[in-house]
Amino acid sequence: MRYLKFILSMIVILFVIIIIIENNGAFSTKVQFGLDMLMIHYKTPEISIYSIVAVAFLSGVLITGIYGMVELFQFKKQIKNLYKVLRDKDKELNSLRNLPITSDNVVSGNIDSIIK
């Protein structure tokens, strides 16, 4: 599985590199964003599309990483709780195994006469 992930990631990286090389002119284009609302008039400096794509990609990596870390900590907490429950159940099982055997409730005699 590890090798499959590595091969798949290499194919994706190669695909991205090919797209960047083939569209170098388009990605080098500079754009300018503006905001015109009521009293607010704002325009950004010219930014290349390469920068926009890089910021969007890194933002996605950061958000996904944070989400993954939060999920990892939740799973670790759940595993810790499950180990605690397992220890408690093992203690209970061992205490039940060590109970003395009593003969007070044992019926002696022929089983056929008891069933009839």
C-alpha atoms as a PDB file:
ATOM      1  CA  MET A   1       0.000   0.000   0.000  1.00  0.00           C
ATOM      2  CA  ARG A   2       2.882   2.311   0.833  1.00  0.00           C
ATOM      3  CA  TYR A   3       4.395   1.825  -2.618  1.00  0.00           C
ATOM      4  CA  LEU A   4       1.041   2.412  -4.282  1.00  0.00           C
ATOM      5  CA  LYS A   5       0.677   5.761  -2.479  1.00  0.00           C
ATOM      6  CA  PHE A   6       4.208   6.731  -3.499  1.00  0.00           C
ATOM      7  CA  ILE A   7       3.633   5.821  -7.157  1.00  0.00           C
ATOM      8  CA  LEU A   8       0.281   7.623  -7.202  1.00  0.00           C
ATOM      9  CA  SER A   9       1.778  10.759  -5.648  1.00  0.00           C
ATOM     10  CA  MET A  10       4.626  10.719  -8.202  1.00  0.00           C
ATOM     11  CA  ILE A  11       2.092  10.499 -11.041  1.00  0.00           C
ATOM     12  CA  VAL A  12       0.135  13.449  -9.623  1.00  0.00           C
ATOM     13  CA  ILE A  13       3.320  15.514  -9.184  1.00  0.00           C
ATOM     14  CA  LEU A  14       4.411  14.710 -12.738  1.00  0.00           C
ATOM     15  CA  PHE A  15       0.965  15.705 -14.023  1.00  0.00           C
ATOM     16  CA  VAL A  16       1.142  19.044 -12.174  1.00  0.00           C
ATOM     17  CA  ILE A  17       4.647  19.741 -13.515  1.00  0.00           C
ATOM     18  CA  ILE A  18       3.500  19.035 -17.080  1.00  0.00           C
ATOM     19  CA  ILE A  19       0.525  21.399 -16.674  1.00  0.00           C
ATOM     20  CA  ILE A  20       2.774  24.155 -15.302  1.00  0.00           C
ATOM     21  CA  ILE A  21       5.294  23.795 -18.146  1.00  0.00           C
ATOM     22  CA  GLU A  22       2.616  23.677 -20.851  1.00  0.00           C
ATOM     23  CA  ASN A  23       0.788  26.728 -19.455  1.00  0.00           C
ATOM     24  CA  ASN A  24       3.758  28.868 -18.463  1.00  0.00           C
ATOM     25  CA  GLY A  25       2.489  31.917 -20.359  1.00  0.00           C
ATOM     26  CA  ALA A  26      -0.979  31.769 -18.865  1.00  0.00           C
ATOM     27  CA  PHE A  27       0.321  31.293 -15.316  1.00  0.00           C
ATOM     28  CA  SER A  28       2.707  34.232 -15.697  1.00  0.00           C
ATOM     29  CA  THR A  29      -0.209  36.570 -16.412  1.00  0.00           C
ATOM     30  CA  LYS A  30      -0.662  39.231 -13.755  1.00  0.00           C
ATOM     31  CA  VAL A  31      -4.100  39.991 -12.376  1.00  0.00           C
ATOM     32  CA  GLN A  32      -5.469  42.632 -10.043  1.00  0.00           C
ATOM     33  CA  PHE A  33      -8.382  42.194  -7.655  1.00  0.00           C
ATOM     34  CA  GLY A  34     -10.618  45.020  -6.548  1.00  0.00           C
ATOM     35  CA  LEU A  35     -13.363  45.660  -4.034  1.00  0.00           C
ATOM     36  CA  ASP A  36     -15.927  48.413  -4.605  1.00  0.00           C
ATOM     37  CA  MET A  37     -18.636  48.476  -1.957  1.00  0.00           C
ATOM     38  CA  LEU A  38     -20.365  51.582  -0.690  1.00  0.00           C
ATOM     39  CA  MET A  39     -17.482  53.523   0.892  1.00  0.00           C
ATOM     40  CA  ILE A  40     -14.781  50.881   0.412  1.00  0.00           C
ATOM     41  CA  HIS A  41     -12.621  51.083  -2.706  1.00  0.00           C
ATOM     42  CA  TYR A  42      -9.649  48.735  -2.598  1.00  0.00           C
ATOM     43  CA  LYS A  43      -7.408  47.298  -5.317  1.00  0.00           C
ATOM     44  CA  THR A  44      -4.610  44.812  -4.801  1.00  0.00           C
ATOM     45  CA  PRO A  45      -1.251  45.173  -6.482  1.00  0.00           C
ATOM     46  CA  GLU A  46      -0.782  43.029  -9.578  1.00  0.00           C
ATOM     47  CA  ILE A  47      -0.264  39.404  -8.632  1.00  0.00           C
ATOM     48  CA  SER A  48       0.828  36.573 -10.929  1.00  0.00           C
ATOM     49  CA  ILE A  49      -1.414  33.546 -11.182  1.00  0.00           C
ATOM     50  CA  TYR A  50       1.542  31.428 -10.007  1.00  0.00           C
ATOM     51  CA  SER A  51       1.352  33.222  -6.638  1.00  0.00           C
ATOM     52  CA  ILE A  52      -2.408  32.762  -6.384  1.00  0.00           C
ATOM     53  CA  VAL A  53      -2.143  29.033  -7.139  1.00  0.00           C
ATOM     54  CA  ALA A  54       0.711  28.610  -4.648  1.00  0.00           C
ATOM     55  CA  VAL A  55      -1.183  30.412  -1.872  1.00  0.00           C
ATOM     56  CA  ALA A  56      -4.352  28.413  -2.570  1.00  0.00           C
ATOM     57  CA  PHE A  57      -2.408  25.137  -2.562  1.00  0.00           C
ATOM     58  CA  LEU A  58      -0.512  25.919   0.639  1.00  0.00           C
ATOM     59  CA  SER A  59      -3.735  27.063   2.331  1.00  0.00           C
ATOM     60  CA  GLY A  60      -5.341  23.744   1.439  1.00  0.00           C
ATOM     61  CA  VAL A  61      -2.343  21.817   2.751  1.00  0.00           C
ATOM     62  CA  LEU A  62      -2.404  23.808   5.995  1.00  0.00           C
ATOM     63  CA  ILE A  63      -6.155  23.376   6.552  1.00  0.00           C
ATOM     64  CA  THR A  64      -5.987  19.657   5.745  1.00  0.00           C
ATOM     65  CA  GLY A  65      -2.990  19.227   8.050  1.00  0.00           C
ATOM     66  CA  ILE A  66      -4.743  20.947  10.940  1.00  0.00           C
ATOM     67  CA  TYR A  67      -7.873  18.846  10.378  1.00  0.00           C
ATOM     68  CA  GLY A  68      -5.753  15.686  10.272  1.00  0.00           C
ATOM     69  CA  MET A  69      -3.952  16.596  13.495  1.00  0.00           C
ATOM     70  CA  VAL A  70      -7.244  17.269  15.300  1.00  0.00           C
ATOM     71  CA  GLU A  71      -8.599  13.934  14.088  1.00  0.00           C
ATOM     72  CA  LEU A  72      -5.378  12.192  15.152  1.00  0.00           C
ATOM     73  CA  PHE A  73      -5.632  13.583  18.684  1.00  0.00           C
ATOM     74  CA  GLN A  74      -9.287  12.526  18.900  1.00  0.00           C
ATOM     75  CA  PHE A  75      -8.373   8.985  17.816  1.00  0.00           C
ATOM     76  CA  LYS A  76      -5.519   8.845  20.334  1.00  0.00           C
ATOM     77  CA  LYS A  77      -7.908   9.917  23.098  1.00  0.00           C
ATOM     78  CA  GLN A  78     -10.441   7.291  21.992  1.00  0.00           C
ATOM     79  CA  ILE A  79      -7.733   4.588  21.948  1.00  0.00           C
ATOM     80  CA  LYS A  80      -6.622   5.617  25.439  1.00  0.00           C
ATOM     81  CA  ASN A  81     -10.209   5.344  26.721  1.00  0.00           C
ATOM     82  CA  LEU A  82     -10.680   1.953  25.064  1.00  0.00           C
ATOM     83  CA  TYR A  83      -7.459   0.650  26.656  1.00  0.00           C
ATOM     84  CA  LYS A  84      -8.771   1.800  30.044  1.00  0.00           C
ATOM     85  CA  VAL A  85     -12.050  -0.067  29.471  1.00  0.00           C
ATOM     86  CA  LEU A  86     -10.072  -3.143  28.363  1.00  0.00           C
ATOM     87  CA  ARG A  87      -7.936  -3.040  31.523  1.00  0.00           C
ATOM     88  CA  ASP A  88     -11.052  -2.766  33.687  1.00  0.00           C
ATOM     89  CA  LYS A  89     -12.680  -5.701  31.921  1.00  0.00           C
ATOM     90  CA  ASP A  90      -9.500  -7.790  32.257  1.00  0.00           C
ATOM     91  CA  LYS A  91      -9.422  -7.056  36.002  1.00  0.00           C
ATOM     92  CA  GLU A  92     -13.065  -8.092  36.306  1.00  0.00           C
ATOM     93  CA  LEU A  93     -12.462 -11.272  34.321  1.00  0.00           C
ATOM     94  CA  ASN A  94      -9.448 -12.206  36.431  1.00  0.00           C
ATOM     95  CA  SER A  95     -11.385 -11.600  39.632  1.00  0.00           C
ATOM     96  CA  LEU A  96     -14.184 -13.857  38.356  1.00  0.00           C
ATOM     97  CA  ARG A  97     -11.672 -16.562  37.420  1.00  0.00           C
ATOM     98  CA  ASN A  98     -10.239 -16.563  40.930  1.00  0.00           C
ATOM     99  CA  LEU A  99     -13.572 -17.035  42.721  1.00  0.00           C
ATOM    100  CA  PRO A 100     -13.685 -20.166  44.874  1.00  0.00           C
ATOM    101  CA  ILE A 101     -15.770 -23.045  43.612  1.00  0.00           C
ATOM    102  CA  THR A 102     -18.653 -23.836  45.942  1.00  0.00           C
ATOM    103  CA  SER A 103     -20.732 -26.991  45.980  1.00  0.00           C
ATOM    104  CA  ASP A 104     -23.848 -25.488  47.574  1.00  0.00           C
ATOM    105  CA  ASN A 105     -25.822 -25.188  44.353  1.00  0.00           C
ATOM    106  CA  VAL A 106     -24.571 -28.354  42.700  1.00  0.00           C
ATOM    107  CA  VAL A 107     -27.251 -31.020  42.275  1.00  0.00           C
ATOM    108  CA  SER A 108     -26.046 -34.536  42.791  1.00  0.00           C
ATOM    109  CA  GLY A 109     -27.720 -37.543  41.378  1.00  0.00           C
ATOM    110  CA  ASN A 110     -28.852 -38.968  38.091  1.00  0.00           C
ATOM    111  CA  ILE A 111     -29.662 -36.383  35.414  1.00  0.00           C
ATOM    112  CA  ASP A 112     -32.452 -38.548  33.969  1.00  0.00           C
ATOM    113  CA  SER A 113     -34.354 -38.503  37.265  1.00  0.00           C
ATOM    114  CA  ILE A 114     -33.982 -34.706  37.532  1.00  0.00           C
ATOM    115  CA  ILE A 115     -35.313 -34.068  34.000  1.00  0.00           C
ATOM    116  CA  LYS A 116     -38.425 -36.228  34.480  1.00  0.00           C
END
